[in-house]
Amino acid sequence: MFDILLDFPYCQKQTDVLNKEYATPGQSRAIFFDIGNVLASPVISSDHTTLVGLSVYPFVPEVLDAVSKQQAQLGIISNTAPSDTTETMKAVLEKAGLLRFFDAKLLLFSSVEGIDKTRVELFQRAATRSGLPPQNCVFVGEDDKERNVARRALFKVSFHPLHVFQVLKEMS
């Protein structure tokens, strides 16, 4: 069923079409992505204690590129291990080729912020850092409970990176 999501040429074609059809010029948006099971699968050390990398899904770079062209700031809201620092997470994102897409001030990691995605305050903090009202922010995450918390913070939500284009269209 999800084979189409892993079909690189299909995804590239779809992001081109969606970018043209759903463009929202002149409107500022902030789009925050979860990492695990949204942008990539985590690669964990052999002793199961440390995040050592990310296995990025094939469609993700093209989607992030297309979304960034729509007057959108891109950020991350992710639950991370207590030992993860901003520097270690940036290094993991850089190694995966993803860091370049995101605004450094919009990288919110639970281990650094001291709160996780079960708390509305994390989403409110993300909106504040973006300089936008929460109604102009979108959270992209696979977990329904986390999306519900984002909704309580007045964020729009998307269950998948490709679905974010539809959410942006509905916001315009």
Foldseek 3Di string as FASTA:
>chain_A
DCVCVLPQVSLLVLLVVLLVPLADPPDEAEEAEEPDPAQFHFDADPVRPDGDATHGRNNRVSLLVSVLVRNYAYAYAYEDDLPDDLVNVLVRCVVVVHNVSHDSLQYHYCNHVVHHLLALVSLVSNCVSVVHQQCRYEYEDQDPSSNVSSVVNVHHYHNHSSCVSVVSSVSD
